[in-house]
Protein backbone atom coordinates (compact mmCIF):
# COMPACT_ATOMS: atom_id res chain seq x y z
CA MET A 1 -27.30 158.19 -23.21
CA GLU A 2 -30.08 156.43 -24.88
CA THR A 3 -32.80 156.21 -22.24
CA THR A 4 -36.13 155.41 -21.14
CA ASP A 5 -39.00 157.51 -22.48
CA ALA A 6 -39.85 157.86 -18.60
CA PHE A 7 -36.15 158.68 -17.04
CA LEU A 8 -35.71 162.15 -16.36
CA GLY A 9 -32.27 162.26 -15.04
CA LEU A 10 -30.98 162.21 -11.53
CA GLU A 11 -31.23 163.89 -8.35
CA CYS A 12 -29.18 164.55 -5.04
CA VAL A 13 -30.59 163.28 -2.68
CA ASP A 14 -28.59 165.80 -0.67
CA CYS A 15 -28.90 169.32 -1.76
CA GLY A 16 -31.79 168.36 -4.59
CA ALA A 17 -29.61 169.00 -7.43
CA ASN A 18 -30.67 167.86 -10.86
CA VAL A 19 -28.05 166.14 -12.84
CA ASP A 20 -27.35 165.13 -16.22
CA ALA A 21 -27.70 160.97 -16.67
CA ASP A 22 -24.57 160.47 -17.94
CA ARG A 23 -23.33 161.32 -14.53
CA ILE A 24 -22.16 158.12 -13.14
CA GLY A 25 -20.42 159.23 -9.67
CA ARG A 26 -21.35 161.48 -6.73
CA CYS A 27 -23.25 164.91 -7.05
CA PRO A 28 -20.95 167.45 -8.84
CA ASP A 29 -22.45 170.73 -6.83
CA CYS A 30 -22.27 169.17 -3.03
CA ASP A 31 -20.99 165.74 -3.53
CA GLY A 32 -23.97 163.71 -2.30
CA LEU A 33 -25.29 160.84 -3.78
CA LEU A 34 -27.76 161.08 -7.05
CA GLU A 35 -31.47 158.92 -7.38
CA ALA A 36 -32.79 158.61 -10.56
CA THR A 37 -36.02 160.20 -11.34
CA TYR A 38 -39.22 159.33 -13.38
CA ASP A 39 -42.56 160.59 -15.20
CA TYR A 40 -44.83 157.54 -13.99
CA ASP A 41 -47.65 159.57 -15.99
CA ALA A 42 -45.90 158.33 -18.79
CA ILE A 43 -45.49 155.05 -18.35
CA ASP A 44 -48.57 152.83 -19.21
CA LEU A 45 -47.93 148.92 -17.97
CA ASP A 46 -50.36 146.76 -16.27
CA ARG A 47 -50.04 143.67 -15.08
CA ALA A 48 -51.54 142.22 -19.08
CA ALA A 49 -48.98 144.08 -20.79
CA LEU A 50 -46.18 142.26 -18.25
CA GLU A 51 -47.92 138.56 -18.12
CA SER A 52 -47.26 139.18 -22.20
CA ARG A 53 -43.88 139.26 -22.09
CA PRO A 54 -41.24 136.24 -21.34
CA LEU A 55 -39.49 136.33 -17.78
CA ASP A 56 -36.21 136.38 -19.52
CA SER A 57 -34.31 138.68 -17.63
CA MET A 58 -34.78 141.92 -16.10
CA TRP A 59 -34.74 143.87 -18.30
CA ARG A 60 -38.32 143.17 -19.13
CA TYR A 61 -39.01 145.75 -16.84
CA GLU A 62 -37.29 148.41 -19.01
CA ASP A 63 -40.04 150.85 -18.69
CA LEU A 64 -39.25 151.23 -14.60
CA LEU A 65 -35.38 151.67 -15.50
CA PRO A 66 -33.40 154.23 -16.90
CA VAL A 67 -31.60 152.78 -19.90
CA ALA A 68 -33.45 150.92 -23.07
CA ARG A 69 -33.17 147.40 -23.14
CA GLU A 70 -31.62 147.35 -26.80
CA ALA A 71 -28.54 149.50 -25.12
CA ALA A 72 -27.67 146.54 -21.92
CA VAL A 73 -24.91 144.80 -21.07
CA THR A 74 -26.87 141.92 -20.07
CA MET A 75 -25.87 138.22 -19.87
CA ASP A 76 -30.19 137.50 -18.64
CA GLU A 77 -29.71 137.93 -15.16
CA GLY A 78 -33.09 137.78 -13.49
CA ALA A 79 -35.80 136.21 -14.02
CA THR A 80 -34.12 133.87 -11.45
CA PRO A 81 -37.22 131.65 -9.43
CA LEU A 82 -39.18 131.98 -6.38
CA VAL A 83 -38.86 128.25 -4.73
CA GLU A 84 -41.57 127.37 -2.62
CA CYS A 85 -40.08 125.30 1.05
CA PRO A 86 -43.05 123.68 2.50
CA ALA A 87 -40.61 122.08 4.99
CA LEU A 88 -39.32 125.51 6.21
CA ALA A 89 -42.03 126.83 6.55
CA ALA A 90 -43.38 124.61 8.74
CA GLU A 91 -40.23 124.64 11.09
CA LEU A 92 -40.24 128.38 11.02
CA GLY A 93 -43.82 128.51 11.69
CA VAL A 94 -45.29 130.13 9.06
CA GLY A 95 -48.00 129.57 6.32
CA ARG A 96 -46.02 129.85 3.60
CA LEU A 97 -42.31 130.69 3.09
CA LEU A 98 -40.31 130.92 -0.30
CA ILE A 99 -36.55 131.50 -1.43
CA LYS A 100 -35.82 134.38 -4.18
CA ASP A 101 -32.95 132.30 -5.23
CA GLU A 102 -30.74 134.70 -6.28
CA GLY A 103 -27.61 132.27 -6.86
CA ARG A 104 -29.09 131.25 -10.19
CA ASN A 105 -27.71 134.75 -12.34
CA PRO A 106 -24.80 134.49 -14.14
CA THR A 107 -21.92 134.98 -11.90
CA GLY A 108 -24.09 133.35 -9.67
CA THR A 109 -25.34 136.46 -7.33
CA ILE A 110 -27.85 138.88 -6.69
CA ARG A 111 -25.20 141.85 -7.35
CA ASP A 112 -25.45 140.62 -11.15
CA ARG A 113 -28.73 142.91 -11.40
CA GLY A 114 -27.04 145.53 -9.86
CA GLN A 115 -23.93 145.44 -12.47
CA SER A 116 -25.67 145.05 -15.57
CA MET A 117 -27.33 148.38 -15.37
CA ALA A 118 -24.43 150.65 -13.67
CA VAL A 119 -22.11 149.18 -16.64
CA THR A 120 -24.29 149.70 -19.06
CA ALA A 121 -24.52 152.99 -18.10
CA VAL A 122 -20.86 153.69 -18.18
CA VAL A 123 -21.09 152.55 -21.91
CA GLU A 124 -23.78 155.25 -22.57
CA SER A 125 -22.01 157.80 -21.07
CA GLY A 126 -18.72 156.91 -22.93
CA GLY A 127 -16.82 155.46 -20.01
CA THR A 128 -13.77 153.13 -20.69
CA ASP A 129 -12.23 152.33 -17.71
CA VAL A 130 -14.93 151.00 -14.12
CA ALA A 131 -13.48 150.54 -10.14
CA LEU A 132 -15.34 150.02 -7.46
CA ALA A 133 -14.85 147.85 -3.30
CA SER A 134 -16.76 145.27 -2.73
CA THR A 135 -16.49 142.65 -0.24
CA GLY A 136 -16.04 140.00 -2.85
CA ASN A 137 -19.39 138.81 -5.08
CA GLY A 138 -19.60 142.79 -6.28
CA GLY A 139 -16.17 142.90 -7.96
CA GLN A 140 -16.48 139.59 -9.31
CA SER A 141 -19.96 140.65 -10.85
CA ALA A 142 -18.36 144.32 -11.88
CA ALA A 143 -15.46 142.26 -13.48
CA ALA A 144 -18.07 139.92 -15.64
CA TYR A 145 -19.83 142.91 -17.04
CA ALA A 146 -17.10 144.89 -17.78
CA GLY A 147 -15.25 142.48 -19.52
CA ARG A 148 -18.85 141.69 -21.84
CA ALA A 149 -18.48 145.30 -22.22
CA GLY A 150 -14.76 145.40 -23.25
CA LEU A 151 -14.11 147.98 -20.63
CA GLU A 152 -11.40 148.11 -18.12
CA SER A 153 -12.12 146.91 -14.38
CA HIS A 154 -10.09 147.85 -11.21
CA VAL A 155 -11.30 145.95 -8.21
CA TYR A 156 -10.54 146.43 -4.34
CA LEU A 157 -11.35 143.53 -2.46
CA PRO A 158 -10.44 142.85 1.58
CA ALA A 159 -7.40 140.23 1.96
CA ARG A 160 -10.48 138.17 3.58
CA SER A 161 -12.34 137.59 0.35
CA GLY A 162 -13.44 134.13 -1.19
CA PHE A 163 -10.94 132.51 -3.49
CA SER A 164 -13.72 132.18 -6.08
CA ASN A 165 -13.89 135.59 -6.21
CA LYS A 166 -10.32 136.89 -6.73
CA ALA A 167 -10.21 133.86 -8.73
CA MET A 168 -12.91 135.38 -11.10
CA VAL A 169 -11.74 138.78 -11.25
CA ASN A 170 -8.26 137.60 -12.87
CA VAL A 171 -10.63 135.65 -15.11
CA HIS A 172 -12.65 138.23 -16.52
CA GLY A 173 -9.76 140.36 -16.70
CA GLY A 174 -9.54 142.71 -14.20
CA ASP A 175 -7.20 144.73 -12.59
CA MET A 176 -7.88 142.71 -8.61
CA ASN A 177 -6.10 144.31 -5.98
CA VAL A 178 -6.29 142.99 -2.53
CA VAL A 179 -5.51 145.02 -0.01
CA GLY A 180 -4.77 143.85 3.73
CA GLY A 181 -7.46 144.51 6.12
CA ARG A 182 -11.42 144.38 5.96
CA TYR A 183 -13.55 146.16 3.74
CA ASP A 184 -13.31 149.81 5.46
CA ASP A 185 -9.84 149.29 3.66
CA ALA A 186 -10.69 148.33 0.80
CA VAL A 187 -13.00 151.17 0.18
CA ASP A 188 -9.62 153.25 1.54
CA ALA A 189 -7.66 152.05 -1.29
CA PHE A 190 -10.72 152.53 -4.03
CA GLU A 191 -10.80 156.15 -3.49
CA GLU A 192 -7.30 156.74 -3.16
CA GLY A 193 -7.46 154.97 -7.01
CA ILE A 194 -9.98 156.85 -7.97
CA ALA A 195 -9.07 160.03 -7.36
CA GLU A 196 -5.75 159.15 -9.36
CA HIS A 197 -7.83 158.66 -12.27
CA ASP A 198 -9.80 160.97 -13.80
CA ASP A 199 -10.83 158.60 -16.24
CA TRP A 200 -12.41 155.73 -13.97
CA GLU A 201 -15.98 155.55 -13.38
CA PRO A 202 -17.22 154.49 -10.02
CA LEU A 203 -19.30 151.19 -9.68
CA GLN A 204 -19.35 151.68 -5.64
CA THR A 205 -22.61 150.57 -3.86
CA PHE A 206 -24.68 153.92 -3.72
CA VAL A 207 -21.88 156.07 -5.23
CA THR A 208 -23.21 154.90 -8.71
CA PRO A 209 -27.06 155.69 -8.57
CA TYR A 210 -27.50 152.59 -10.80
CA ARG A 211 -26.60 149.31 -9.11
CA HIS A 212 -29.51 149.88 -6.52
CA GLU A 213 -32.10 150.53 -9.81
CA GLY A 214 -31.32 147.13 -10.65
CA GLU A 215 -31.08 145.37 -8.03
CA LYS A 216 -35.02 146.73 -7.28
CA THR A 217 -36.05 144.39 -10.47
CA THR A 218 -35.84 141.26 -7.29
CA THR A 219 -39.06 142.86 -5.71
CA TYR A 220 -40.64 143.06 -9.21
CA GLU A 221 -39.82 139.69 -9.68
CA ILE A 222 -41.12 138.68 -6.38
CA LEU A 223 -44.60 140.60 -6.47
CA GLU A 224 -44.67 139.09 -10.11
CA GLN A 225 -44.02 135.44 -9.32
CA LEU A 226 -46.91 135.69 -6.43
CA GLU A 227 -49.75 136.75 -8.82
CA TRP A 228 -49.46 139.84 -7.31
CA ALA A 229 -50.22 138.86 -3.51
CA VAL A 230 -47.81 140.83 -1.45
CA PRO A 231 -46.31 138.86 0.68
CA ASP A 232 -46.11 139.81 4.67
CA ALA A 233 -42.36 140.00 5.13
CA ILE A 234 -39.21 140.04 2.56
CA VAL A 235 -35.97 138.93 5.00
CA TYR A 236 -32.73 140.68 3.04
CA PRO A 237 -29.23 139.63 3.87
CA THR A 238 -28.19 143.12 4.53
CA GLY A 239 -24.33 144.80 4.07
CA SER A 240 -24.63 148.24 2.32
CA GLY A 241 -28.71 147.90 1.97
CA THR A 242 -29.33 148.36 -1.82
CA GLY A 243 -31.46 145.24 -1.67
CA LEU A 244 -33.60 147.22 0.79
CA VAL A 245 -33.39 150.58 -0.99
CA GLY A 246 -34.16 149.20 -4.03
CA GLY A 247 -36.68 146.94 -3.09
CA SER A 248 -38.60 150.14 -0.93
CA ARG A 249 -38.28 151.75 -4.16
CA ALA A 250 -39.87 149.21 -6.27
CA VAL A 251 -42.94 148.45 -4.32
CA THR A 252 -43.22 152.41 -4.30
CA GLU A 253 -43.26 152.02 -8.07
CA LEU A 254 -45.74 149.42 -8.01
CA GLN A 255 -48.08 151.16 -6.18
CA THR A 256 -48.04 154.37 -7.86
CA LEU A 257 -48.85 152.24 -11.44
CA GLY A 258 -51.91 150.83 -9.31
CA LEU A 259 -49.85 146.96 -9.83
CA VAL A 260 -50.07 146.65 -6.12
CA ASP A 261 -52.30 147.65 -3.59
CA GLU A 262 -50.12 147.28 -0.18
CA ARG A 263 -46.84 147.13 0.90
CA PRO A 264 -44.85 144.13 1.68
CA SER A 265 -42.41 144.94 5.57
CA LEU A 266 -38.95 144.26 4.36
CA TYR A 267 -36.40 143.59 7.00
CA ALA A 268 -32.56 143.68 7.41
CA ALA A 269 -30.98 141.03 8.15
CA GLN A 270 -27.51 141.16 9.73
CA ALA A 271 -24.86 139.26 11.86
CA ASP A 272 -24.01 139.96 15.63
CA GLY A 273 -20.75 140.91 14.86
CA CYS A 274 -21.24 143.37 12.33
CA ALA A 275 -24.92 144.80 12.74
CA PRO A 276 -25.04 148.57 12.42
CA ILE A 277 -28.30 149.02 10.28
CA VAL A 278 -29.59 146.70 13.75
CA ASP A 279 -28.05 148.74 15.86
CA ALA A 280 -29.50 152.00 14.40
CA PHE A 281 -32.66 150.20 14.33
CA GLU A 282 -33.38 149.56 17.62
CA SER A 283 -31.87 152.51 19.26
CA GLY A 284 -34.18 154.80 17.13
CA ALA A 285 -31.17 156.96 15.30
CA ASP A 286 -31.78 158.48 11.76
CA ASP A 287 -28.26 156.51 10.58
CA THR A 288 -26.13 153.98 11.76
CA GLU A 289 -22.85 154.28 13.65
CA PRO A 290 -19.71 152.56 12.46
CA VAL A 291 -18.68 149.50 13.94
CA GLU A 292 -15.66 149.89 15.49
CA THR A 293 -14.26 145.90 15.25
CA PRO A 294 -16.72 144.03 13.09
CA ASP A 295 -16.14 140.41 12.94
CA THR A 296 -18.10 137.99 11.06
CA ILE A 297 -18.11 134.52 9.75
CA CYS A 298 -20.37 136.57 7.36
CA GLY A 299 -17.97 138.46 5.19
CA GLY A 300 -20.06 139.25 2.15
CA ILE A 301 -22.16 141.68 4.46
CA GLU A 302 -18.97 142.71 6.65
CA VAL A 303 -19.26 146.59 6.01
CA PRO A 304 -18.91 148.56 9.11
CA ASP A 305 -20.03 151.68 7.99
CA PRO A 306 -23.15 151.58 5.36
CA ILE A 307 -23.02 154.62 2.81
CA ALA A 308 -26.60 154.78 2.75
CA GLY A 309 -27.46 153.89 6.19
CA SER A 310 -30.05 156.59 6.59
CA ARG A 311 -31.81 155.48 3.37
CA VAL A 312 -32.04 151.84 4.48
CA LEU A 313 -33.28 152.92 7.93
CA GLU A 314 -35.86 154.67 5.59
CA ALA A 315 -36.34 152.18 3.44
CA ILE A 316 -37.13 149.31 6.20
CA ARG A 317 -39.45 152.18 8.64
CA LYS A 318 -41.57 153.16 5.68
CA THR A 319 -42.55 149.14 5.39
CA ASP A 320 -43.18 148.40 8.81
CA GLY A 321 -40.23 146.13 8.42
CA GLY A 322 -37.14 146.04 10.96
CA ALA A 323 -33.80 144.56 11.55
CA VAL A 324 -32.52 141.36 12.82
CA ALA A 325 -28.82 140.18 13.99
CA ALA A 326 -27.84 136.59 14.73
CA GLY A 327 -24.84 135.13 15.53
CA ASP A 328 -22.35 132.94 12.96
CA GLN A 329 -23.35 130.07 14.35
CA ASP A 330 -26.77 130.28 13.84
CA VAL A 331 -26.27 131.74 11.04
CA LEU A 332 -24.19 128.96 9.37
CA GLU A 333 -26.70 126.22 11.24
CA ALA A 334 -29.50 127.97 9.23
CA ALA A 335 -27.79 127.85 5.96
CA VAL A 336 -27.19 124.23 6.21
CA THR A 337 -30.48 123.52 7.37
CA VAL A 338 -32.02 125.26 3.93
CA ALA A 339 -29.87 123.27 1.83
CA LYS A 340 -30.47 119.64 3.91
CA HIS A 341 -34.66 120.20 4.29
CA GLU A 342 -35.18 122.52 0.50
CA GLY A 343 -31.96 121.70 -1.39
CA LEU A 344 -30.96 125.22 -1.99
CA GLU A 345 -27.82 126.62 -1.86
CA MET A 346 -26.88 130.08 0.78
CA THR A 347 -23.25 131.12 1.31
CA PRO A 348 -22.96 132.02 5.35
CA SER A 349 -23.72 135.41 4.44
CA ALA A 350 -27.29 134.46 2.30
CA GLY A 351 -27.85 132.34 5.21
CA ALA A 352 -28.18 135.68 7.08
CA ALA A 353 -31.50 135.70 5.90
CA ALA A 354 -32.82 132.78 7.20
CA ALA A 355 -31.36 132.82 10.40
CA GLY A 356 -33.14 136.13 10.23
CA ALA A 357 -36.10 134.75 9.52
CA TRP A 358 -36.08 132.17 12.44
CA GLU A 359 -35.19 134.95 15.04
CA LEU A 360 -38.03 136.56 14.22
CA ALA A 361 -39.89 133.81 14.75
CA GLU A 362 -38.72 133.57 17.89
CA ARG A 363 -39.25 136.55 19.38
CA GLY A 364 -42.87 136.07 18.44
CA GLU A 365 -43.50 138.49 14.97
CA PHE A 366 -45.49 135.89 13.00
CA ASP A 367 -49.29 134.71 13.87
CA GLY A 368 -48.42 131.33 11.94
CA ASP A 369 -50.18 132.12 8.26
CA GLU A 370 -47.84 134.72 7.00
CA THR A 371 -46.31 134.48 3.34
CA VAL A 372 -42.36 135.10 4.05
CA VAL A 373 -40.08 135.75 1.20
CA LEU A 374 -35.95 135.14 2.27
CA VAL A 375 -33.87 136.36 -0.37
CA ASN A 376 -30.51 134.14 -1.30
CA ALA A 377 -28.22 136.91 -2.39
CA ALA A 378 -25.60 133.91 -4.02
CA THR A 379 -24.99 130.75 -4.61
CA GLY A 380 -23.50 128.44 -1.63
CA SER A 381 -20.36 126.92 -3.63
CA LYS A 382 -18.85 130.92 -3.28
CA GLU A 383 -18.30 129.79 0.36
CA ALA A 384 -18.72 125.42 -0.04
CA ASP A 385 -15.41 125.62 2.13
CA VAL A 386 -16.98 127.78 5.03
CA LEU A 387 -19.72 125.54 5.40
CA ARG A 388 -18.36 122.15 5.07
CA SER A 389 -15.63 123.33 7.91
CA TYR A 390 -18.60 124.67 9.79
CA LEU A 391 -19.76 120.62 9.27
CA MET A 392 -16.28 119.27 10.30
CA SER A 393 -16.26 121.19 13.39
CA GLN A 394 -19.90 119.36 14.66
CA GLY A 395 -18.12 116.62 13.65
CA VAL A 396 -20.18 115.73 10.36
């Protein structure tokens, strides 16, 4: 693998074993999850050096990534705008509200960052096939990047995934498997499939150590776009929690390099009908318990048993953040409000970040002068029919 100078390899978060960089899946010793490690003393990166680089893709941060930019499987993902939203700031009662619009990525989702990194790692390790279960966007993204890299992709989606996700997996040349039931059923089918094929490399969230390494670049960009003025809060729509784990890691790395002094508070936003992170956070638990009967319109974040729930909880607690849930009605209304007032298009799942911020404001979490960033994880056109149906139910 053509790694960067500072990348040391992988380490198991459970048993502490050191693992070669070309390992895509779990720890070979204990089946635990792996994490990328770096020699931060070997990284010579300051604000001036970053300012001299064009904001052209997430790969401008290659010093802090495992693989060199010249090896990247990329479609210029990242470099998404951080949009000022004054009308929403006034409605929320904060000093500034900005939306990091990840819907501008190649397949319209933040997942492109992680899949660019993960597929690159597979190519560098000599893999030929990739596989994953997904609620929708991650599967579409994986098929796109696998197609670009000349790999075969095997995607397992629950039946409730959006039509555009299913269609585009096929359009990108992926082997699409629609599984009856919900996300956990798709995960079961994926695990059966990958157990039967030794040549399939997993692109499953956290099963590969590389997806949240790509998604952490979202937080790099937020802080740099704010000219290193750390926001008070960043709110992520949360299913598996890759954005939060990657975001917490990104802030720690920037602090280690002296690029920022403070940490933003990170918040997980979920839907009431499937909120394992919120439930665990509010009860003071160290890990999540599976939601037995998930039920929410927010299919993109309906993950009842997040594989790295303990790490998500650690990320939000480490930053003095929190977790908040909102009902489907509030989530849909929030997504529509963002579109009406600021023109930005959110899926219902991404609208959970806006609804979560509104809930935090109602609880009195904000004093009135804060800078709050919402992460729009996917463009609203992916689920425009859901938003339109909501409007029709309101007589619009």
